[in-house]
Protein backbone atom coordinates (compact mmCIF):
# COMPACT_ATOMS: atom_id res chain seq x y z
CA MET A 1 -3.24 4.66 -0.91
CA ASN A 2 -1.62 1.55 -2.37
CA LEU A 3 -2.56 -0.04 -5.69
CA PHE A 4 -4.37 -3.00 -4.10
CA LEU A 5 -6.73 -0.74 -2.16
CA LYS A 6 -7.38 1.45 -5.20
CA ILE A 7 -8.26 -1.55 -7.40
CA PHE A 8 -10.38 -3.08 -4.63
CA LEU A 9 -12.39 0.11 -4.06
CA TRP A 10 -12.90 0.70 -7.78
CA PHE A 11 -14.17 -2.85 -8.29
CA LEU A 12 -16.45 -2.55 -5.26
CA ALA A 13 -17.81 0.80 -6.47
CA ALA A 14 -18.40 -0.61 -9.98
CA ILE A 15 -20.30 -3.65 -8.67
CA SER A 16 -22.34 -1.48 -6.29
CA LEU A 17 -23.24 0.87 -9.12
CA MET A 18 -24.26 -2.05 -11.35
CA VAL A 19 -26.49 -3.51 -8.62
CA GLY A 20 -28.07 -0.10 -8.06
CA VAL A 21 -28.74 0.35 -11.77
CA VAL A 22 -30.28 -3.15 -12.02
CA VAL A 23 -32.58 -2.45 -9.07
CA PHE A 24 -33.60 0.91 -10.52
CA LEU A 25 -34.29 -0.50 -13.96
CA ASN A 26 -36.21 -3.40 -12.48
CA TRP A 27 -38.37 -1.00 -10.51
CA THR A 28 -39.02 1.42 -13.39
CA VAL A 29 -39.71 -1.32 -15.93
CA GLN A 30 -42.19 -3.09 -13.65
CA THR A 31 -43.98 -0.07 -12.19
CA GLU A 32 -45.70 1.35 -15.27
CA PRO A 33 -47.21 -1.94 -16.59
CA VAL A 34 -48.38 -2.98 -13.14
CA VAL A 35 -50.08 0.37 -12.45
CA SER A 36 -51.75 0.36 -15.87
CA ARG A 37 -53.10 -3.16 -15.40
CA TRP A 38 -54.23 -2.31 -11.88
CA ARG A 39 -56.23 0.71 -13.08
CA ILE A 40 -57.99 -1.40 -15.72
CA SER A 41 -58.77 -4.08 -13.13
CA VAL A 42 -60.11 -1.51 -10.66
CA ARG A 43 -62.38 0.02 -13.30
CA ASN A 44 -63.71 -3.38 -14.35
CA GLN A 45 -64.27 -4.66 -10.82
CA THR A 46 -65.93 -1.44 -9.66
CA GLY A 47 -68.31 -1.57 -12.62
CA ILE A 48 -69.12 -5.23 -11.96
CA TYR A 49 -69.65 -4.61 -8.23
CA ALA A 50 -72.02 -1.71 -8.96
CA ALA A 51 -74.10 -3.66 -11.50
CA THR A 52 -74.22 -6.73 -9.25
CA ALA A 53 -75.29 -4.66 -6.25
CA ALA A 54 -78.24 -3.25 -8.20
CA GLN A 55 -79.29 -6.70 -9.36
CA ILE A 56 -79.05 -8.23 -5.87
CA TYR A 57 -81.09 -5.40 -4.36
CA ASP A 58 -83.80 -5.80 -6.98
CA SER A 59 -83.95 -9.60 -6.50
CA GLN A 60 -83.07 -10.14 -2.81
CA GLY A 61 -83.88 -6.80 -1.24
CA GLU A 62 -81.92 -4.81 1.29
CA GLN A 63 -80.81 -7.85 3.28
CA GLY A 64 -79.20 -9.47 0.28
CA PHE A 65 -77.70 -6.13 -0.72
CA ASN A 66 -76.05 -5.62 2.69
CA ALA A 67 -74.69 -9.17 2.63
CA PHE A 68 -73.13 -8.52 -0.76
CA ILE A 69 -71.50 -5.27 0.43
CA GLY A 70 -70.14 -7.17 3.45
CA ARG A 71 -68.53 -9.74 1.21
CA ILE A 72 -66.85 -6.96 -0.81
CA ARG A 73 -65.43 -5.46 2.37
CA GLN A 74 -63.75 -8.75 3.22
CA ALA A 75 -61.51 -8.60 0.13
CA GLU A 76 -57.78 -8.21 0.99
CA THR A 77 -57.18 -5.36 -1.45
CA ILE A 78 -60.23 -3.35 -0.35
CA SER A 79 -60.14 -1.28 2.84
CA GLU A 80 -63.41 0.65 2.57
CA VAL A 81 -66.82 0.31 0.83
CA ASP A 82 -69.46 3.09 0.91
CA VAL A 83 -72.87 3.41 -0.74
CA ILE A 84 -74.09 7.01 -0.94
CA GLY A 85 -77.05 8.49 -2.80
CA GLU A 86 -76.59 11.29 -5.26
CA ASN A 87 -78.47 13.59 -2.89
CA GLY A 88 -76.02 12.75 -0.07
CA LYS A 89 -78.18 10.07 1.50
CA VAL A 90 -75.98 7.47 3.18
CA TRP A 91 -77.02 3.89 2.72
CA SER A 92 -73.87 2.21 4.02
CA ALA A 93 -70.64 3.97 4.93
CA GLU A 94 -67.40 3.36 6.88
CA VAL A 95 -66.33 7.00 7.10
CA LEU A 96 -67.32 9.67 9.55
CA ASN A 97 -67.74 12.47 7.04
CA VAL A 98 -69.16 11.55 3.64
CA ASN A 99 -69.01 15.16 2.52
CA ASN A 100 -65.39 14.51 1.63
CA TYR A 101 -66.70 12.43 -1.28
CA SER A 102 -69.13 15.01 -2.63
CA ASP A 103 -66.92 16.00 -5.54
CA LEU A 104 -66.30 12.38 -6.50
CA ILE A 105 -70.05 11.62 -6.29
CA SER A 106 -70.93 14.59 -8.49
CA LYS A 107 -68.27 13.67 -11.03
CA THR A 108 -69.45 10.07 -11.14
CA ALA A 109 -73.11 11.05 -11.54
CA ALA A 110 -72.25 13.38 -14.40
CA SER A 111 -70.11 10.92 -16.34
CA ASP A 112 -71.99 7.71 -15.55
CA ALA A 113 -68.62 5.91 -15.74
CA VAL A 114 -66.13 4.57 -13.26
CA GLU A 115 -64.10 7.42 -11.78
CA ILE A 116 -60.77 6.96 -9.99
CA GLU A 117 -58.98 9.33 -7.60
CA LEU A 118 -55.28 8.79 -6.88
CA ASN A 119 -54.73 11.59 -4.37
CA GLU A 120 -53.26 9.42 -1.62
CA PRO A 121 -49.96 7.52 -1.93
CA GLU A 122 -51.11 4.27 -0.28
CA THR A 123 -54.75 3.99 -1.46
CA ALA A 124 -57.04 5.01 -4.31
CA LEU A 125 -60.78 5.63 -4.62
CA SER A 126 -63.03 4.29 -7.36
CA ALA A 127 -66.69 5.20 -7.79
CA LYS A 128 -69.56 3.99 -10.04
CA GLN A 129 -73.17 5.02 -10.07
CA PHE A 130 -75.92 2.36 -10.20
CA VAL A 131 -79.71 2.76 -10.54
CA LEU A 132 -82.27 0.65 -8.68
CA ARG A 133 -85.54 -0.55 -10.18
CA ASN A 134 -87.45 2.13 -8.29
CA GLY A 135 -85.33 4.79 -10.02
CA GLU A 136 -83.14 5.74 -7.04
CA LYS A 137 -79.52 6.45 -7.90
CA TYR A 138 -76.61 5.53 -5.65
CA VAL A 139 -72.83 5.68 -5.96
CA LEU A 140 -70.68 2.72 -4.94
CA ILE A 141 -67.34 4.02 -3.56
CA ILE A 142 -64.49 1.59 -2.95
CA ARG A 143 -61.08 2.35 -1.40
CA TRP A 144 -58.42 0.12 -2.90
CA GLU A 145 -54.97 -0.66 -1.62
CA ARG A 146 -52.48 0.47 -4.22
CA PRO A 147 -50.24 -2.23 -5.72
CA ARG A 148 -46.84 -2.45 -4.09
CA MET A 149 -43.73 -3.44 -5.97
CA THR A 150 -42.16 -6.62 -4.71
CA PRO A 151 -38.76 -5.79 -3.14
CA PHE A 152 -35.71 -6.89 -5.13
CA PHE A 153 -34.99 -9.57 -2.54
CA GLY A 154 -38.64 -10.37 -1.78
CA GLU A 155 -40.61 -9.75 1.37
CA SER A 156 -39.19 -12.63 3.36
CA PRO A 157 -37.81 -11.80 6.83
CA PHE A 158 -34.54 -13.33 5.59
CA ARG A 159 -34.13 -10.71 2.88
CA TYR A 160 -31.55 -8.89 5.01
CA LEU A 161 -29.45 -12.03 4.95
CA ARG A 162 -29.70 -11.88 1.18
CA TYR A 163 -28.44 -8.29 1.28
CA ALA A 164 -25.54 -9.41 3.46
CA GLY A 165 -24.83 -12.32 1.13
CA LEU A 166 -24.71 -10.01 -1.87
CA LEU A 167 -22.38 -7.57 -0.13
CA LEU A 168 -20.13 -10.40 1.09
CA THR A 169 -19.97 -11.93 -2.40
CA ALA A 170 -19.12 -8.54 -3.94
CA PHE A 171 -16.50 -7.92 -1.25
CA LEU A 172 -14.80 -11.30 -1.75
CA LEU A 173 -14.94 -11.03 -5.53
CA CYS A 174 -13.42 -7.54 -5.52
CA TRP A 175 -10.77 -8.63 -3.03
CA ALA A 176 -9.82 -11.63 -5.20
CA LEU A 177 -9.65 -9.55 -8.39
CA ALA A 178 -7.63 -6.79 -6.73
CA ARG A 179 -5.24 -9.34 -5.20
CA TYR A 180 -4.86 -11.11 -8.53
CA LEU A 181 -3.92 -7.87 -10.29
CA SER A 182 -1.74 -6.28 -7.60
CA SER A 183 0.05 -9.34 -6.20
CA PRO A 184 2.64 -9.60 -9.03
CA ILE A 185 3.42 -5.90 -8.65
CA GLY A 186 4.09 -6.36 -4.94
CA LYS A 187 6.37 -9.32 -5.67
CA LEU A 188 8.21 -7.28 -8.29
CA ARG A 189 8.65 -4.46 -5.80
CA ARG A 190 10.08 -6.76 -3.12
CA ALA A 191 12.45 -8.34 -5.65
CA THR A 192 13.56 -4.87 -6.76
CA GLN A 193 14.24 -3.90 -3.15
CA LYS A 194 16.33 -7.04 -2.65
CA LEU A 195 18.29 -6.31 -5.81
CA ALA A 196 18.85 -2.71 -4.73
CA ALA A 197 20.03 -3.94 -1.31
CA GLY A 198 22.70 -6.08 -2.99
CA ASP A 199 20.95 -9.45 -3.25
CA LEU A 200 21.87 -10.23 -6.84
CA SER A 201 20.09 -13.60 -6.71
CA ALA A 202 16.65 -11.95 -6.47
CA ARG A 203 14.24 -13.39 -9.08
CA VAL A 204 10.48 -13.07 -9.41
CA ALA A 205 9.16 -14.94 -12.49
CA ASP A 206 8.69 -18.22 -10.58
CA GLN A 207 6.69 -16.42 -7.89
CA VAL A 208 4.24 -14.85 -10.35
CA GLY A 209 2.84 -18.24 -11.38
CA ASN A 210 1.32 -19.45 -14.63
CA ARG A 211 0.12 -16.08 -15.85
CA HIS A 212 0.15 -15.10 -19.50
CA ASP A 213 -0.31 -11.36 -19.32
CA GLU A 214 1.80 -8.20 -19.32
CA LEU A 215 2.70 -8.59 -15.64
CA ALA A 216 4.15 -12.05 -16.28
CA ALA A 217 6.15 -10.63 -19.19
CA LEU A 218 7.40 -7.84 -16.94
CA ALA A 219 8.49 -10.39 -14.33
CA LYS A 220 10.45 -12.33 -16.96
CA ASP A 221 12.08 -9.13 -18.19
CA PHE A 222 13.03 -8.31 -14.62
CA ASP A 223 14.70 -11.70 -14.21
CA VAL A 224 16.64 -11.19 -17.43
CA MET A 225 17.77 -7.77 -16.21
CA ALA A 226 18.71 -9.12 -12.75
CA GLU A 227 20.65 -12.00 -14.29
CA ARG A 228 22.53 -9.59 -16.55
CA ILE A 229 23.35 -7.28 -13.64
CA GLU A 230 24.51 -10.22 -11.52
CA SER A 231 26.73 -11.42 -14.37
CA LEU A 232 28.28 -7.99 -14.88
CA ILE A 233 28.92 -7.35 -11.18
CA THR A 234 30.27 -10.86 -10.63
CA SER A 235 32.59 -10.43 -13.59
CA GLN A 236 33.74 -7.08 -12.24
CA GLN A 237 34.41 -8.51 -8.79
CA ARG A 238 36.22 -11.50 -10.25
CA LEU A 239 38.32 -9.21 -12.43
CA SER A 240 39.27 -7.02 -9.46
CA ARG A 241 40.16 -10.07 -7.38
CA ASP A 242 42.17 -11.73 -10.16
CA VAL A 243 44.02 -8.56 -11.08
CA SER A 244 44.86 -7.94 -7.43
CA HIS A 245 46.24 -11.46 -7.04
CA GLU A 246 48.24 -11.19 -10.25
CA LEU A 247 49.75 -7.84 -9.26
CA ARG A 248 51.04 -9.05 -5.92
CA SER A 249 53.81 -11.21 -7.39
CA PRO A 250 55.29 -8.46 -9.63
CA LEU A 251 55.07 -6.05 -6.71
CA ALA A 252 56.89 -8.44 -4.41
CA ARG A 253 59.68 -8.87 -7.01
CA MET A 254 59.83 -5.12 -7.54
CA ASN A 255 60.26 -4.56 -3.81
CA VAL A 256 63.15 -7.04 -3.75
CA ALA A 257 64.75 -5.27 -6.71
CA LEU A 258 64.15 -1.95 -5.00
CA GLU A 259 65.99 -3.05 -1.86
CA ILE A 260 68.95 -4.18 -3.99
CA ALA A 261 68.92 -0.87 -5.86
CA LYS A 262 68.85 1.09 -2.58
CA GLN A 263 71.97 -0.72 -1.41
CA LYS A 264 73.79 0.35 -4.55
CA SER A 265 72.34 3.84 -4.73
CA ASN A 266 74.19 7.10 -4.30
CA GLY A 267 73.08 10.52 -3.17
CA GLU A 268 71.55 11.41 -6.51
CA THR A 269 69.43 8.28 -6.96
CA ALA A 270 68.29 7.88 -3.32
CA PRO A 271 65.36 10.38 -3.55
CA VAL A 272 64.10 8.70 -6.72
CA LEU A 273 64.25 5.25 -5.13
CA GLN A 274 62.51 6.56 -2.04
CA ARG A 275 59.70 7.87 -4.24
CA ILE A 276 59.43 4.50 -5.98
CA GLU A 277 59.22 2.77 -2.61
CA THR A 278 56.43 5.13 -1.46
CA GLU A 279 54.35 4.51 -4.59
CA SER A 280 54.98 0.79 -4.29
CA GLN A 281 53.70 0.75 -0.72
CA ARG A 282 50.64 2.74 -1.78
CA LEU A 283 49.95 0.31 -4.61
CA ASN A 284 50.41 -2.66 -2.29
CA ASP A 285 47.99 -1.13 0.21
CA MET A 286 45.41 -0.56 -2.53
CA ILE A 287 45.68 -4.18 -3.70
CA SER A 288 45.27 -5.41 -0.14
CA ARG A 289 42.16 -3.29 0.29
CA LEU A 290 40.80 -4.51 -3.02
CA LEU A 291 41.17 -8.12 -1.93
CA THR A 292 39.49 -7.36 1.39
CA LEU A 293 36.58 -5.62 -0.34
CA SER A 294 36.21 -8.50 -2.81
CA LYS A 295 36.02 -11.03 0.03
CA LEU A 296 33.41 -8.94 1.82
CA GLU A 297 31.27 -8.46 -1.28
CA THR A 298 31.31 -12.09 -2.33
CA GLY A 299 31.18 -13.57 1.15
CA SER A 300 33.96 -15.94 0.18
CA GLN A 301 35.57 -15.84 3.62
CA ASP A 302 34.09 -16.79 6.97
CA PHE A 303 34.97 -14.57 9.92
CA ASP A 304 35.12 -15.63 13.53
CA ARG A 305 32.36 -14.04 15.55
CA ARG A 306 32.12 -13.53 19.29
CA GLU A 307 30.81 -11.12 21.86
CA LEU A 308 32.78 -7.85 21.77
CA ASN A 309 33.13 -4.88 24.07
CA LEU A 310 32.47 -2.13 21.54
CA LYS A 311 33.42 0.63 23.97
CA SER A 312 36.94 -0.77 24.46
CA LEU A 313 37.36 -1.35 20.75
CA VAL A 314 36.35 2.23 19.87
CA GLU A 315 38.58 3.69 22.58
CA GLN A 316 41.56 1.71 21.30
CA VAL A 317 41.03 2.67 17.66
CA ALA A 318 40.41 6.31 18.63
CA ALA A 319 43.65 6.39 20.63
CA ASP A 320 45.62 5.07 17.64
CA ALA A 321 43.92 7.57 15.30
CA ASP A 322 44.63 10.42 17.72
CA PHE A 323 48.32 9.48 17.78
CA GLU A 324 48.45 9.66 13.98
CA ALA A 325 46.39 12.88 13.92
CA ASN A 326 48.69 14.69 16.37
CA ALA A 327 51.52 14.49 13.87
CA LYS A 328 49.32 16.53 11.47
CA GLY A 329 48.17 19.11 14.02
CA LYS A 330 44.78 17.44 14.53
CA THR A 331 43.16 15.51 17.37
CA VAL A 332 40.60 12.76 17.92
CA LYS A 333 38.39 13.25 20.98
CA ILE A 334 35.85 10.83 22.47
CA MET A 335 32.84 12.92 23.53
CA LYS A 336 30.77 10.02 24.90
CA ALA A 337 31.31 6.27 25.31
CA ASP A 338 28.51 4.09 26.69
CA GLU A 339 28.99 0.46 27.54
CA CYS A 340 27.97 -1.58 24.49
CA ARG A 341 28.45 -5.22 23.70
CA VAL A 342 27.91 -6.56 20.20
CA PHE A 343 28.24 -9.95 18.56
CA GLY A 344 30.45 -10.08 15.50
CA SER A 345 33.90 -10.21 13.98
CA GLU A 346 36.40 -8.09 15.87
CA SER A 347 38.62 -7.64 12.82
CA LEU A 348 35.77 -6.46 10.58
CA ILE A 349 34.25 -4.05 13.11
CA GLN A 350 37.69 -2.70 14.00
CA SER A 351 38.45 -2.25 10.29
CA ALA A 352 35.19 -0.35 9.77
CA VAL A 353 35.82 2.00 12.71
CA GLU A 354 39.45 2.55 11.65
CA ASN A 355 38.50 3.40 8.08
CA VAL A 356 35.85 5.88 9.19
CA LEU A 357 38.16 7.53 11.74
CA ARG A 358 41.12 7.75 9.36
CA ASN A 359 38.88 9.19 6.68
CA ALA A 360 37.69 11.85 9.16
CA VAL A 361 41.26 12.64 10.27
CA ARG A 362 42.37 12.89 6.65
CA TYR A 363 39.81 15.56 5.74
CA THR A 364 39.22 17.54 8.93
CA LYS A 365 40.89 20.95 8.86
CA ASP A 366 44.24 21.57 10.57
CA GLY A 367 43.86 22.54 14.19
CA THR A 368 40.43 20.91 14.52
CA GLU A 369 39.36 17.73 16.26
CA VAL A 370 37.40 14.71 15.16
CA GLU A 371 34.54 14.08 17.59
CA VAL A 372 33.63 10.48 18.44
CA SER A 373 30.56 9.43 20.43
CA LEU A 374 29.23 5.96 21.23
CA SER A 375 25.70 5.70 22.66
CA ASN A 376 23.58 2.74 23.72
CA GLY A 377 19.81 3.07 23.37
CA GLY A 378 16.82 1.20 22.03
CA GLY A 379 18.77 -2.04 21.75
CA ASN A 380 21.29 -0.50 19.32
CA ALA A 381 24.81 0.79 19.58
CA VAL A 382 25.23 4.03 17.62
CA LEU A 383 28.71 5.31 16.78
CA ARG A 384 29.01 8.86 15.41
CA VAL A 385 32.18 10.33 13.94
CA VAL A 386 32.12 14.05 13.10
CA ASP A 387 34.88 15.97 11.33
CA HIS A 388 35.29 19.65 10.40
CA GLY A 389 36.31 19.29 6.79
CA GLY A 390 33.55 21.32 5.18
CA GLY A 391 31.32 18.35 4.31
CA VAL A 392 30.37 17.19 0.83
CA PRO A 393 27.56 18.19 -1.56
CA GLU A 394 24.22 16.67 -0.54
CA ALA A 395 23.89 14.93 -3.91
CA GLU A 396 27.18 13.09 -3.27
CA LEU A 397 26.35 11.64 0.16
CA SER A 398 24.89 8.41 -1.18
CA ASN A 399 28.01 7.81 -3.32
CA LEU A 400 30.56 8.00 -0.50
CA PHE A 401 30.41 4.26 0.12
CA LYS A 402 31.06 3.27 -3.49
CA PRO A 403 34.51 1.82 -4.29
CA PHE A 404 36.99 4.32 -5.80
CA TYR A 405 34.49 7.15 -5.55
CA ARG A 406 36.08 10.57 -5.06
CA VAL A 407 34.20 13.74 -4.22
CA GLY A 408 37.20 15.88 -5.08
CA GLU A 409 39.71 14.16 -7.35
CA ALA A 410 42.66 16.47 -6.70
CA ARG A 411 42.06 16.65 -2.95
CA ASP A 412 41.79 12.87 -2.56
CA ARG A 413 44.92 12.26 -4.52
CA GLY A 414 46.76 14.84 -2.43
CA SER A 415 45.59 13.16 0.77
CA GLY A 416 46.68 9.74 -0.39
CA GLY A 417 43.18 8.26 -0.29
CA THR A 418 42.30 5.28 -2.46
CA GLY A 419 38.52 5.59 -2.26
CA LEU A 420 38.13 2.13 -0.69
CA GLY A 421 38.03 2.82 3.05
CA LEU A 422 34.36 3.74 3.36
CA ALA A 423 33.38 1.01 0.89
CA ILE A 424 35.11 -1.58 3.11
CA ALA A 425 33.46 -0.06 6.19
CA GLU A 426 30.03 -0.27 4.55
CA GLN A 427 30.49 -3.92 3.60
CA SER A 428 31.81 -4.81 7.07
CA ILE A 429 28.79 -3.25 8.78
CA ARG A 430 26.37 -4.79 6.26
CA ILE A 431 27.71 -8.26 7.08
CA HIS A 432 26.75 -7.58 10.72
CA LYS A 433 23.22 -6.55 9.62
CA GLY A 434 23.92 -3.01 10.73
CA SER A 435 23.73 0.30 8.89
CA ILE A 436 26.08 3.12 8.04
CA LYS A 437 25.12 6.51 6.67
CA ALA A 438 26.63 9.92 6.05
CA GLY A 439 25.24 13.41 6.60
CA ASN A 440 26.50 16.97 6.61
CA THR A 441 26.85 19.07 9.74
CA ALA A 442 27.35 22.82 9.97
CA ASP A 443 31.02 22.63 8.91
CA GLY A 444 31.80 18.99 8.28
CA LEU A 445 30.70 15.43 7.71
CA GLU A 446 29.10 12.98 10.15
CA ILE A 447 29.31 9.21 9.70
CA GLU A 448 26.84 7.18 11.78
CA ILE A 449 27.21 3.42 12.36
CA THR A 450 24.41 1.41 13.95
CA LEU A 451 24.83 -2.14 15.29
CA ALA A 452 22.48 -4.32 17.30
CA CYS A 453 23.54 -4.65 20.94
CA GLN A 454 24.08 -8.12 22.39
CA ASN A 455 21.67 -9.06 25.23
CA ARG A 456 23.87 -10.63 27.88
CA GLU A 457 20.95 -12.44 29.46
CA GLN A 458 20.47 -14.63 26.34
């Protein structure tokens, strides 16, 4: 679960909890006072109704009494009115069985006060005894509708729209807060990925906006770090390029001097001069590779691009590598070669394939073969080169494409490697928006190059 979703859900849960607590407190705070006031009102009204009923009967007789009871029954909060004598005689009743009220009648007659029963959740009974002029005693029983708490959003039929409005407001507010907090982190992450992928111009402070919090400070610190890294790497590349250029002239003069010395050499000095020539050629090759790598890293040179037959290119490079490998008791064998056409620079792609193949030939064991396969699938051309040189430690795989990196110092020096071949291959493939990776097999190393195939119908 990403940070945005976590913040969003936490905000939403917090707001929902707060709304729930407000509703609960509103209900609990209002319930007790309302019920208390209602009980007092019921007692007062029941007492007044009983006294008034006795007075009306004494002054207006039974007809006036019945009219008064009828008016009471019409009240909205009253659902039932009964008049029952203390001996069970029914004067006026709306129930089928008045015996259910016998306990209430007895209790009321004994106390001569208003009695209330709250046995039912929706209604309540109140009772008050009154005495007529002739001495007869009756009990006035009234069934009252209990007070209902007004819903938090009222009783309007549109209250559900209010619920929806509240939820929508909470949702949008939580989304905005979560986006505000997590957006700079996402921008920092994307800038970090660009920097890790080699885009040294990646910056993020301008994208964060006019914030004045810790995330804005972090973005500024990131820009300072990125600028420092870009400066260091640019200086390193410039130094390598400048040193390589400066060394070429002394090397050229040394080679001229070496040729003159070889003409004047004798049998004793010839081996020494030959050794000097070998080291000079190696140094010249390293400088050439350094310049090539510098151009690839800085993008200072434009390369001609066109549609290429990758199968033919791989077959040609493999044939040349096999010729060189045969002299060392090794072979290069093409296991599979599908038709693949790519768009790019022939020199760069050929250089990448050559470097990978020569690296494999250099380290595969004597008497073994380097296996090459080219497959076309899913819109990509995939070239795999497998040797039988024992592989490299898993922790070292990601470092194979770094300039001058050596897994085994003594072995690389003995093989004549400079540590630049795979670095050049990686940069060449990167320029073509492809990928190159290394992995161990059972007894060797596999290099896999992926390039996008060219659609000939376009």
